[in-house]
């Protein structure tokens, strides 16, 4: 069932969602509001055991975005055309625009939890959804005239090492030095000019998207409580480009280990979609319809589209209003007029894809 949308209702929904704190793991109140919105429009809506909000309908298109935000108390205020508040860009602008578009065009919708933490909602969705949609539009800020076709993958790990304690004047290396040595070597592997030929040509390109980005996250360590050893725990992260798999990056890092061990987790492969798929073509046409010049983006981060692409072999794009440079920022804000334009574009795209 579809219904006509109004700017007043769209603005009210966006303001209400941004005004509802929903840090990862605490999305329940936001989920209830979304479910009530769909039920008010005579759409079936329910919340699953993970906390995701489902409103199934025409699976020619699945619109999906995340309800959670990173922490940060930004006072919610409407200043002319600009709405300020945590999550206004990432990703309640895209989320609200998709909810409006779903009730306007009759396509399916899912609002997922925990994208900012571990993509638990998206992982649960691909495991439990009975049908696979024909096309997926994932909601993240791309600007109303942009679509994201690619995201780098993600690999997180924790290095752990222990060494005998001893006087600091001794020349033997301790666990802290072992951790530093391992990380220095790994970083050099991803910036060196002596890669094997099949890898070096891609990893030394200028584009960040096409490179591995190693990043230290936290390091703790020192003399143990009993004074008999030196211990270190070192959390690290890698962003992985589409020309490599997460397993390949992990193997490179493991090969540089001489001491200590690494526990690997949060392994998400990169994704790169073709610009020739039906949704990509539909977005370019829709953006031109409303006076824009389409932009095709490759994002250096990771999104739920990575999760969907590993399980569903269907065309996908990521789209949504908002300036992604304001993701997680202390001055996060979104243009209401851009938000309205994104709804027009989404409606146009969903109608095009539903007719195929």
Protein backbone atom coordinates (compact mmCIF):
# COMPACT_ATOMS: atom_id res chain seq x y z
CA UNK A 1 0.00 0.00 0.00
CA UNK A 2 1.30 3.45 -0.88
CA UNK A 3 0.23 6.92 0.20
CA UNK A 4 1.09 10.49 -0.70
CA UNK A 5 3.81 12.19 1.30
CA UNK A 6 3.89 15.74 2.58
CA UNK A 7 6.85 17.92 3.46
CA UNK A 8 5.24 18.67 6.82
CA UNK A 9 5.05 15.01 7.77
CA UNK A 10 8.54 14.26 6.46
CA UNK A 11 10.04 17.14 8.43
CA UNK A 12 8.16 16.07 11.56
CA UNK A 13 9.39 12.48 11.25
CA UNK A 14 13.00 13.57 10.77
CA UNK A 15 12.85 15.96 13.73
CA UNK A 16 11.25 13.27 15.91
CA UNK A 17 13.88 10.66 15.03
CA UNK A 18 16.81 13.04 15.53
CA UNK A 19 15.31 14.10 18.87
CA UNK A 20 15.24 10.48 20.02
CA UNK A 21 18.68 9.35 21.27
CA UNK A 22 19.56 5.92 19.85
CA UNK A 23 23.17 5.08 20.53
CA UNK A 24 24.21 1.59 19.43
CA UNK A 25 22.45 -0.92 21.66
CA UNK A 26 19.82 1.61 22.76
CA UNK A 27 17.63 1.93 19.67
CA UNK A 28 14.36 0.60 21.16
CA UNK A 29 12.58 3.96 21.49
CA UNK A 30 13.53 4.98 17.96
CA UNK A 31 12.36 1.58 16.67
CA UNK A 32 8.97 2.01 18.32
CA UNK A 33 8.51 5.40 16.70
CA UNK A 34 9.38 4.02 13.28
CA UNK A 35 7.01 1.08 13.69
CA UNK A 36 4.20 3.41 14.77
CA UNK A 37 4.85 5.60 11.72
CA UNK A 38 4.30 2.67 9.36
CA UNK A 39 1.28 1.38 11.23
CA UNK A 40 -0.29 4.84 11.06
CA UNK A 41 -0.04 4.51 7.28
CA UNK A 42 -1.72 1.09 7.32
CA UNK A 43 1.52 -0.71 6.64
CA UNK A 44 2.43 -3.97 8.31
CA UNK A 45 5.30 -3.28 10.72
CA UNK A 46 7.03 -5.25 13.44
CA UNK A 47 10.25 -5.40 15.44
CA UNK A 48 12.34 -8.57 15.35
CA UNK A 49 14.39 -10.13 18.15
CA UNK A 50 17.47 -8.14 17.09
CA UNK A 51 15.56 -4.85 17.33
CA UNK A 52 15.22 -4.25 13.58
CA UNK A 53 12.04 -2.60 12.29
CA UNK A 54 10.43 -4.43 9.34
CA UNK A 55 7.74 -3.13 7.02
CA UNK A 56 7.64 -5.68 4.18
CA UNK A 57 5.84 -4.96 0.93
CA UNK A 58 7.02 -4.89 -2.70
CA UNK A 59 10.43 -6.58 -2.74
CA UNK A 60 11.35 -5.05 -6.10
CA UNK A 61 13.24 -2.68 -3.77
CA UNK A 62 14.38 -2.97 -0.18
CA UNK A 63 15.11 0.37 1.45
CA UNK A 64 17.25 -0.08 4.55
CA UNK A 65 19.18 2.22 6.86
CA UNK A 66 20.39 2.17 10.44
CA UNK A 67 18.74 3.62 13.52
CA UNK A 68 21.77 3.84 15.79
CA UNK A 69 24.19 6.73 16.15
CA UNK A 70 27.57 7.25 17.74
CA UNK A 71 27.55 8.97 21.16
CA UNK A 72 27.48 12.75 21.38
CA UNK A 73 25.02 15.22 22.81
CA UNK A 74 24.30 17.83 20.15
CA UNK A 75 21.29 20.01 21.05
CA UNK A 76 18.52 19.42 18.50
CA UNK A 77 17.43 22.66 16.88
CA UNK A 78 15.93 23.81 13.62
CA UNK A 79 17.71 26.89 12.31
CA UNK A 80 16.00 27.95 9.10
CA UNK A 81 16.69 25.21 6.56
CA UNK A 82 19.15 23.38 8.82
CA UNK A 83 18.41 20.72 11.43
CA UNK A 84 21.15 20.21 14.00
CA UNK A 85 21.52 17.07 16.11
CA UNK A 86 23.38 13.82 16.56
CA UNK A 87 22.41 11.40 13.82
CA UNK A 88 20.85 14.04 11.56
CA UNK A 89 23.32 13.01 8.84
CA UNK A 90 24.45 9.56 9.97
CA UNK A 91 21.96 8.20 9.37
CA UNK A 92 18.54 9.49 10.43
CA UNK A 93 18.31 11.75 7.40
CA UNK A 94 18.64 8.72 5.10
CA UNK A 95 16.48 6.64 7.48
CA UNK A 96 13.59 9.13 7.50
CA UNK A 97 13.77 9.73 3.75
CA UNK A 98 13.52 5.97 3.17
CA UNK A 99 10.59 5.58 5.56
CA UNK A 100 8.71 8.33 3.69
CA UNK A 101 9.62 6.81 0.32
CA UNK A 102 8.51 3.35 1.43
CA UNK A 103 5.02 4.54 2.33
CA UNK A 104 4.92 6.68 -0.85
CA UNK A 105 5.88 3.93 -3.30
CA UNK A 106 4.90 0.72 -1.55
CA UNK A 107 8.37 -0.87 -1.44
CA UNK A 108 9.87 -2.81 1.46
CA UNK A 109 11.70 -1.20 4.37
CA UNK A 110 13.95 -2.33 7.22
CA UNK A 111 15.52 -0.10 9.86
CA UNK A 112 18.48 -1.93 11.42
CA UNK A 113 20.37 -1.66 14.69
CA UNK A 114 24.04 -1.44 15.62
CA UNK A 115 25.63 -0.41 12.31
CA UNK A 116 27.99 1.88 14.19
CA UNK A 117 29.12 -0.97 16.45
CA UNK A 118 29.20 -4.39 14.76
CA UNK A 119 26.43 -4.41 12.13
CA UNK A 120 24.49 -6.87 14.26
CA UNK A 121 21.18 -5.75 12.76
CA UNK A 122 22.32 -6.25 9.16
CA UNK A 123 23.90 -9.62 9.99
CA UNK A 124 20.66 -10.75 11.62
CA UNK A 125 18.64 -9.54 8.65
CA UNK A 126 20.55 -11.55 6.04
CA UNK A 127 20.34 -14.68 8.21
CA UNK A 128 16.62 -14.49 8.93
CA UNK A 129 14.87 -12.73 6.03
CA UNK A 130 12.87 -15.32 4.13
CA UNK A 131 13.02 -13.62 0.73
CA UNK A 132 15.88 -11.87 -1.04
CA UNK A 133 14.92 -8.49 -2.52
CA UNK A 134 15.47 -7.72 -6.20
CA UNK A 135 17.40 -4.52 -5.44
CA UNK A 136 18.84 -3.05 -2.24
CA UNK A 137 19.21 0.65 -1.50
CA UNK A 138 21.24 1.13 1.66
CA UNK A 139 20.86 4.39 3.54
CA UNK A 140 23.94 6.45 4.32
CA UNK A 141 24.76 10.10 3.55
CA UNK A 142 25.92 10.54 -0.03
CA UNK A 143 24.37 13.94 -0.78
CA UNK A 144 21.09 14.07 -2.69
CA UNK A 145 22.96 13.96 -6.03
CA UNK A 146 25.45 11.19 -5.17
CA UNK A 147 25.40 7.41 -4.93
CA UNK A 148 28.02 5.23 -3.27
CA UNK A 149 28.96 2.10 -5.21
CA UNK A 150 31.92 0.91 -3.16
CA UNK A 151 33.13 0.58 0.43
CA UNK A 152 36.37 -0.72 1.83
CA UNK A 153 36.33 -3.77 4.07
CA UNK A 154 37.18 -3.93 7.76
CA UNK A 155 39.53 -6.12 9.80
CA UNK A 156 39.96 -5.69 13.55
CA UNK A 157 42.44 -7.57 15.69
CA UNK A 158 44.02 -7.66 19.12
CA UNK A 159 47.74 -8.38 19.48
CA UNK A 160 48.72 -9.96 22.80
CA UNK A 161 52.25 -10.69 24.03
CA UNK A 162 54.08 -11.44 27.27
CA UNK A 163 57.78 -11.34 28.12
CA UNK A 164 59.90 -11.94 31.22
CA UNK A 165 60.39 -8.91 33.41
CA UNK A 166 63.88 -7.57 33.87
CA UNK A 167 65.86 -4.47 34.57
CA UNK A 168 65.26 -1.72 32.01
CA UNK A 169 68.99 -1.46 31.41
CA UNK A 170 69.02 -4.94 29.82
CA UNK A 171 69.21 -5.06 25.99
CA UNK A 172 66.59 -7.81 25.55
CA UNK A 173 63.32 -6.59 24.10
CA UNK A 174 60.18 -6.73 26.19
CA UNK A 175 56.58 -7.35 25.06
CA UNK A 176 55.92 -3.65 24.51
CA UNK A 177 58.85 -3.43 22.11
CA UNK A 178 57.69 -6.62 20.37
CA UNK A 179 54.27 -5.05 19.78
CA UNK A 180 55.81 -1.86 18.42
CA UNK A 181 58.16 -3.81 16.16
CA UNK A 182 55.32 -5.94 14.75
CA UNK A 183 53.13 -2.94 14.05
CA UNK A 184 55.96 -0.95 12.45
CA UNK A 185 56.71 -3.85 10.14
CA UNK A 186 53.04 -4.32 9.21
CA UNK A 187 52.60 -0.62 8.48
CA UNK A 188 55.69 -0.70 6.27
CA UNK A 189 54.30 -3.67 4.33
CA UNK A 190 51.32 -1.58 3.25
CA UNK A 191 53.39 1.43 2.21
CA UNK A 192 56.55 -0.18 0.89
CA UNK A 193 57.65 -0.10 -2.74
CA UNK A 194 58.72 -3.74 -2.81
CA UNK A 195 55.32 -5.43 -2.98
CA UNK A 196 54.97 -8.53 -5.12
CA UNK A 197 54.15 -7.37 -8.64
CA UNK A 198 50.52 -8.50 -8.50
CA UNK A 199 49.89 -6.32 -5.43
CA UNK A 200 52.20 -3.33 -5.60
CA UNK A 201 50.60 -1.67 -8.62
CA UNK A 202 47.28 -1.28 -6.84
CA UNK A 203 48.48 -0.51 -3.31
CA UNK A 204 50.72 2.35 -4.32
CA UNK A 205 48.02 4.27 -6.18
CA UNK A 206 47.15 7.70 -4.93
CA UNK A 207 43.53 6.96 -4.07
CA UNK A 208 42.96 6.14 -0.40
CA UNK A 209 40.12 3.89 -1.47
CA UNK A 210 42.55 1.61 -3.28
CA UNK A 211 44.98 1.25 -0.37
CA UNK A 212 45.02 -0.63 2.89
CA UNK A 213 44.85 1.77 5.82
CA UNK A 214 46.35 0.30 9.02
CA UNK A 215 45.35 2.12 12.18
CA UNK A 216 46.33 1.55 15.84
CA UNK A 217 43.31 1.88 18.13
CA UNK A 218 44.43 1.29 21.74
CA UNK A 219 47.53 -0.11 23.47
CA UNK A 220 47.84 -1.05 27.12
CA UNK A 221 50.62 -2.82 28.96
CA UNK A 222 53.51 -2.79 31.37
CA UNK A 223 54.73 -4.77 34.35
CA UNK A 224 52.22 -7.40 35.52
CA UNK A 225 50.68 -7.20 38.98
CA UNK A 226 52.98 -9.93 40.29
CA UNK A 227 56.02 -8.14 38.83
CA UNK A 228 57.23 -11.24 36.97
CA UNK A 229 56.38 -10.31 33.38
CA UNK A 230 55.71 -7.51 30.92
CA UNK A 231 52.34 -7.74 29.20
CA UNK A 232 50.83 -5.88 26.26
CA UNK A 233 47.43 -5.76 24.55
CA UNK A 234 47.24 -3.83 21.29
CA UNK A 235 44.00 -3.25 19.33
CA UNK A 236 44.49 -2.58 15.61
CA UNK A 237 42.30 -2.01 12.57
CA UNK A 238 42.71 -2.30 8.82
CA UNK A 239 40.52 -0.84 6.06
CA UNK A 240 40.68 -3.14 3.06
CA UNK A 241 40.23 -2.08 -0.60
CA UNK A 242 38.21 -4.17 -3.10
CA UNK A 243 41.29 -5.50 -4.87
CA UNK A 244 42.17 -7.47 -1.72
CA UNK A 245 40.19 -9.70 0.60
CA UNK A 246 40.22 -9.47 4.37
CA UNK A 247 41.87 -12.90 4.48
CA UNK A 248 44.78 -11.66 2.33
CA UNK A 249 45.41 -8.68 4.62
CA UNK A 250 45.19 -10.92 7.69
CA UNK A 251 47.71 -13.33 6.17
CA UNK A 252 50.16 -10.50 5.49
CA UNK A 253 49.88 -9.28 9.09
CA UNK A 254 50.22 -12.80 10.48
CA UNK A 255 53.33 -13.45 8.41
CA UNK A 256 55.09 -10.58 10.18
CA UNK A 257 54.56 -12.11 13.63
CA UNK A 258 57.72 -13.25 15.38
CA UNK A 259 56.36 -13.02 18.93
CA UNK A 260 52.89 -12.71 20.38
CA UNK A 261 49.58 -13.67 18.85
CA UNK A 262 46.69 -11.83 17.20
CA UNK A 263 43.01 -12.58 17.76
CA UNK A 264 41.15 -11.48 14.64
CA UNK A 265 37.53 -10.28 14.69
CA UNK A 266 35.05 -8.05 12.83
CA UNK A 267 36.10 -9.33 9.43
CA UNK A 268 34.05 -7.61 6.69
CA UNK A 269 35.05 -7.89 3.05
CA UNK A 270 35.06 -4.83 0.75
CA UNK A 271 32.34 -4.25 -1.85
CA UNK A 272 32.39 -2.59 -5.26
CA UNK A 273 29.19 -2.53 -7.32
CA UNK A 274 28.93 -1.90 -11.04
CA UNK A 275 27.73 1.48 -12.27
CA UNK A 276 25.65 -0.35 -14.88
CA UNK A 277 23.16 -2.05 -12.55
CA UNK A 278 19.44 -1.11 -12.70
CA UNK A 279 19.51 0.86 -9.40
CA UNK A 280 22.66 2.78 -10.40
CA UNK A 281 21.11 3.71 -13.75
CA UNK A 282 17.82 4.60 -12.08
CA UNK A 283 19.55 6.94 -9.63
CA UNK A 284 21.47 8.73 -12.37
CA UNK A 285 18.25 9.29 -14.30
CA UNK A 286 16.34 10.42 -11.20
CA UNK A 287 19.03 12.87 -10.09
CA UNK A 288 19.07 14.42 -13.56
CA UNK A 289 15.27 14.62 -13.47
CA UNK A 290 15.51 16.94 -10.47
CA UNK A 291 18.28 19.09 -11.92
CA UNK A 292 21.35 17.44 -10.44
CA UNK A 293 24.58 16.14 -11.92
CA UNK A 294 25.01 12.56 -10.63
CA UNK A 295 28.14 11.75 -8.64
CA UNK A 296 29.38 8.17 -8.20
CA UNK A 297 31.26 7.69 -4.93
CA UNK A 298 33.64 5.17 -3.43
CA UNK A 299 33.74 5.40 0.36
CA UNK A 300 36.86 4.76 2.41
CA UNK A 301 34.86 3.42 5.36
CA UNK A 302 32.63 0.36 5.74
CA UNK A 303 28.83 0.09 5.78
CA UNK A 304 26.02 -2.44 6.03
CA UNK A 305 26.15 -2.74 2.24
CA UNK A 306 29.31 -4.81 2.76
CA UNK A 307 27.25 -7.24 4.87
CA UNK A 308 24.37 -7.42 2.39
CA UNK A 309 26.64 -7.98 -0.60
CA UNK A 310 28.28 -11.01 1.01
CA UNK A 311 24.92 -12.79 1.36
CA UNK A 312 22.67 -11.38 -1.36
CA UNK A 313 23.81 -11.50 -4.99
CA UNK A 314 21.60 -8.61 -6.10
CA UNK A 315 22.27 -5.05 -7.35
CA UNK A 316 22.90 -2.51 -4.59
CA UNK A 317 23.71 1.15 -4.10
CA UNK A 318 24.01 3.36 -1.04
CA UNK A 319 22.17 6.67 -0.99
CA UNK A 320 20.95 9.35 1.36
CA UNK A 321 20.84 13.08 2.09
CA UNK A 322 23.56 14.77 4.08
CA UNK A 323 27.21 15.75 3.95
CA UNK A 324 29.23 12.69 4.97
CA UNK A 325 32.08 14.90 6.20
CA UNK A 326 29.76 15.70 9.13
CA UNK A 327 29.44 12.02 10.15
CA UNK A 328 30.17 11.74 13.89
CA UNK A 329 31.14 15.43 13.98
CA UNK A 330 30.32 17.81 16.87
CA UNK A 331 28.51 20.11 14.42
CA UNK A 332 26.43 17.42 12.68
CA UNK A 333 23.54 18.97 10.75
CA UNK A 334 21.42 18.44 7.64
CA UNK A 335 19.68 20.65 5.10
CA UNK A 336 15.90 20.16 5.12
CA UNK A 337 15.60 21.15 1.46
CA UNK A 338 18.20 18.50 0.54
CA UNK A 339 16.25 16.01 2.64
CA UNK A 340 13.11 16.76 0.60
CA UNK A 341 15.03 16.40 -2.67
CA UNK A 342 16.34 13.01 -1.60
CA UNK A 343 12.77 11.80 -1.05
CA UNK A 344 11.84 12.93 -4.57
CA UNK A 345 14.85 11.05 -5.95
CA UNK A 346 14.11 7.91 -3.93
CA UNK A 347 10.46 7.91 -5.02
CA UNK A 348 11.50 8.28 -8.63
CA UNK A 349 14.02 5.43 -8.34
CA UNK A 350 11.62 3.07 -6.56
CA UNK A 351 8.95 3.65 -9.19
CA UNK A 352 11.43 2.98 -11.99
CA UNK A 353 12.67 -0.24 -10.39
CA UNK A 354 9.19 -1.46 -9.50
CA UNK A 355 8.22 -1.33 -13.19
CA UNK A 356 11.11 -3.49 -14.38
